[in-house]
Amino acid sequence: MVSNQEDRFAQWLNMTMENRGLRAVDLAKKLKVTDSAVSRWRSGAGTPSMDACLRLARVLKVEEP
């Protein structure tokens, strides 16, 4: 079962990628992860590791609140 937190992350990731015109394959390359990892994150079936989260924040230029 997918948690509410995973659902929210998946929604955020999909929206952010769409807003930036970023394809999953390109994001995977920039993060040095597999396409299937990004697919799991986008579907809510998983979440990135802390290391991948930090790289994701840099790639997507997410600022701290």
N, C-alpha and C. Protein backbone atom coordinates (compact mmCIF):
# COMPACT_ATOMS: atom_id res chain seq x y z
N MET A 1 0.84 -1.18 0.00
CA MET A 1 0.00 0.00 0.00
C MET A 1 0.89 1.25 0.00
N VAL A 2 0.51 2.24 -0.77
CA VAL A 2 1.25 3.48 -0.88
C VAL A 2 0.83 4.42 0.24
N SER A 3 1.81 5.00 0.92
CA SER A 3 1.49 5.91 2.00
C SER A 3 1.09 7.27 1.44
N ASN A 4 0.43 8.05 2.27
CA ASN A 4 0.03 9.39 1.89
C ASN A 4 1.25 10.24 1.57
N GLN A 5 2.32 10.06 2.33
CA GLN A 5 3.56 10.81 2.10
C GLN A 5 4.14 10.48 0.72
N GLU A 6 4.14 9.20 0.36
CA GLU A 6 4.65 8.80 -0.96
C GLU A 6 3.78 9.38 -2.06
N ASP A 7 2.46 9.41 -1.84
CA ASP A 7 1.54 10.01 -2.82
C ASP A 7 1.86 11.49 -3.03
N ARG A 8 2.06 12.21 -1.93
CA ARG A 8 2.35 13.65 -2.03
C ARG A 8 3.69 13.88 -2.74
N PHE A 9 4.68 13.08 -2.40
CA PHE A 9 5.98 13.22 -3.08
C PHE A 9 5.82 12.95 -4.56
N ALA A 10 5.12 11.90 -4.93
CA ALA A 10 4.91 11.56 -6.34
C ALA A 10 4.20 12.69 -7.07
N GLN A 11 3.19 13.26 -6.47
CA GLN A 11 2.46 14.38 -7.09
C GLN A 11 3.39 15.58 -7.27
N TRP A 12 4.15 15.88 -6.23
CA TRP A 12 5.09 17.01 -6.31
C TRP A 12 6.12 16.78 -7.41
N LEU A 13 6.69 15.58 -7.45
CA LEU A 13 7.73 15.28 -8.44
C LEU A 13 7.16 15.38 -9.85
N ASN A 14 6.01 14.81 -10.08
CA ASN A 14 5.39 14.88 -11.41
C ASN A 14 5.11 16.32 -11.82
N MET A 15 4.57 17.11 -10.92
CA MET A 15 4.25 18.50 -11.21
C MET A 15 5.54 19.30 -11.47
N THR A 16 6.55 19.08 -10.65
CA THR A 16 7.80 19.81 -10.80
C THR A 16 8.49 19.45 -12.11
N MET A 17 8.51 18.18 -12.44
CA MET A 17 9.12 17.76 -13.70
C MET A 17 8.36 18.36 -14.88
N GLU A 18 7.04 18.35 -14.82
CA GLU A 18 6.24 18.91 -15.90
C GLU A 18 6.50 20.41 -16.04
N ASN A 19 6.53 21.12 -14.93
CA ASN A 19 6.76 22.56 -14.97
C ASN A 19 8.12 22.92 -15.53
N ARG A 20 9.08 22.02 -15.37
CA ARG A 20 10.44 22.29 -15.86
C ARG A 20 10.71 21.63 -17.21
N GLY A 21 9.70 20.94 -17.74
CA GLY A 21 9.86 20.28 -19.04
C GLY A 21 10.91 19.19 -19.00
N LEU A 22 10.99 18.49 -17.89
CA LEU A 22 12.03 17.49 -17.67
C LEU A 22 11.45 16.09 -17.83
N ARG A 23 12.08 15.30 -18.70
CA ARG A 23 11.65 13.92 -18.91
C ARG A 23 12.30 13.01 -17.87
N ALA A 24 11.63 11.91 -17.58
CA ALA A 24 12.12 10.96 -16.57
C ALA A 24 13.50 10.42 -16.93
N VAL A 25 13.72 10.12 -18.19
CA VAL A 25 15.00 9.57 -18.62
C VAL A 25 16.12 10.59 -18.39
N ASP A 26 15.83 11.86 -18.64
CA ASP A 26 16.83 12.91 -18.44
C ASP A 26 17.12 13.12 -16.95
N LEU A 27 16.06 13.09 -16.14
CA LEU A 27 16.24 13.23 -14.70
C LEU A 27 17.07 12.08 -14.15
N ALA A 28 16.77 10.87 -14.60
CA ALA A 28 17.52 9.70 -14.14
C ALA A 28 19.01 9.84 -14.46
N LYS A 29 19.31 10.29 -15.67
CA LYS A 29 20.72 10.48 -16.06
C LYS A 29 21.39 11.51 -15.16
N LYS A 30 20.72 12.64 -14.91
CA LYS A 30 21.31 13.70 -14.09
C LYS A 30 21.53 13.25 -12.65
N LEU A 31 20.64 12.38 -12.17
CA LEU A 31 20.73 11.90 -10.79
C LEU A 31 21.60 10.66 -10.65
N LYS A 32 21.98 10.08 -11.79
CA LYS A 32 22.76 8.84 -11.80
C LYS A 32 22.00 7.70 -11.11
N VAL A 33 20.72 7.59 -11.48
CA VAL A 33 19.86 6.49 -11.03
C VAL A 33 19.22 5.86 -12.25
N THR A 34 18.56 4.76 -12.06
CA THR A 34 17.90 4.08 -13.18
C THR A 34 16.58 4.77 -13.52
N ASP A 35 16.14 4.56 -14.76
CA ASP A 35 14.84 5.06 -15.18
C ASP A 35 13.73 4.47 -14.31
N SER A 36 13.91 3.20 -13.92
CA SER A 36 12.88 2.53 -13.12
C SER A 36 12.78 3.14 -11.72
N ALA A 37 13.89 3.66 -11.19
CA ALA A 37 13.84 4.32 -9.89
C ALA A 37 12.96 5.57 -9.98
N VAL A 38 13.20 6.38 -11.00
CA VAL A 38 12.39 7.59 -11.19
C VAL A 38 10.93 7.20 -11.41
N SER A 39 10.68 6.15 -12.15
CA SER A 39 9.31 5.69 -12.40
C SER A 39 8.62 5.30 -11.09
N ARG A 40 9.34 4.62 -10.20
CA ARG A 40 8.77 4.24 -8.89
C ARG A 40 8.44 5.48 -8.07
N TRP A 41 9.33 6.45 -8.09
CA TRP A 41 9.08 7.69 -7.34
C TRP A 41 7.86 8.40 -7.88
N ARG A 42 7.74 8.46 -9.22
CA ARG A 42 6.63 9.18 -9.86
C ARG A 42 5.30 8.49 -9.64
N SER A 43 5.32 7.18 -9.44
CA SER A 43 4.07 6.44 -9.24
C SER A 43 3.70 6.33 -7.77
N GLY A 44 4.61 6.74 -6.89
CA GLY A 44 4.35 6.62 -5.46
C GLY A 44 4.70 5.27 -4.89
N ALA A 45 5.37 4.44 -5.70
CA ALA A 45 5.73 3.10 -5.25
C ALA A 45 7.03 3.09 -4.44
N GLY A 46 7.68 4.24 -4.35
CA GLY A 46 8.92 4.33 -3.59
C GLY A 46 9.35 5.77 -3.47
N THR A 47 10.35 5.99 -2.65
CA THR A 47 10.91 7.33 -2.49
C THR A 47 12.43 7.24 -2.60
N PRO A 48 13.06 8.33 -3.00
CA PRO A 48 14.51 8.30 -3.16
C PRO A 48 15.24 8.24 -1.82
N SER A 49 16.46 7.75 -1.87
CA SER A 49 17.31 7.75 -0.68
C SER A 49 17.66 9.20 -0.34
N MET A 50 18.23 9.41 0.83
CA MET A 50 18.61 10.76 1.24
C MET A 50 19.62 11.35 0.25
N ASP A 51 20.58 10.54 -0.18
CA ASP A 51 21.58 11.01 -1.14
C ASP A 51 20.91 11.42 -2.45
N ALA A 52 19.98 10.60 -2.93
CA ALA A 52 19.26 10.93 -4.16
C ALA A 52 18.39 12.17 -3.97
N CYS A 53 17.83 12.35 -2.79
CA CYS A 53 17.02 13.55 -2.50
C CYS A 53 17.88 14.81 -2.60
N LEU A 54 19.08 14.75 -2.07
CA LEU A 54 19.97 15.91 -2.14
C LEU A 54 20.33 16.23 -3.59
N ARG A 55 20.62 15.20 -4.38
CA ARG A 55 20.92 15.41 -5.80
C ARG A 55 19.68 15.94 -6.53
N LEU A 56 18.52 15.40 -6.18
CA LEU A 56 17.27 15.83 -6.79
C LEU A 56 17.02 17.31 -6.50
N ALA A 57 17.25 17.74 -5.29
CA ALA A 57 17.06 19.14 -4.92
C ALA A 57 17.99 20.04 -5.74
N ARG A 58 19.23 19.59 -5.94
CA ARG A 58 20.17 20.39 -6.74
C ARG A 58 19.75 20.46 -8.19
N VAL A 59 19.40 19.31 -8.75
CA VAL A 59 19.01 19.25 -10.17
C VAL A 59 17.75 20.07 -10.43
N LEU A 60 16.78 19.97 -9.52
CA LEU A 60 15.52 20.69 -9.71
C LEU A 60 15.57 22.12 -9.17
N LYS A 61 16.72 22.48 -8.59
CA LYS A 61 16.92 23.83 -8.03
C LYS A 61 15.85 24.17 -7.01
N VAL A 62 15.66 23.24 -6.08
CA VAL A 62 14.69 23.44 -5.00
C VAL A 62 15.38 24.22 -3.89
N GLU A 63 14.75 25.29 -3.46
CA GLU A 63 15.31 26.12 -2.42
C GLU A 63 14.75 25.70 -1.06
N GLU A 64 15.55 25.91 -0.02
CA GLU A 64 15.10 25.62 1.33
C GLU A 64 14.04 26.65 1.73
N PRO A 65 13.06 26.21 2.53
CA PRO A 65 12.00 27.15 2.95
C PRO A 65 12.54 28.22 3.87
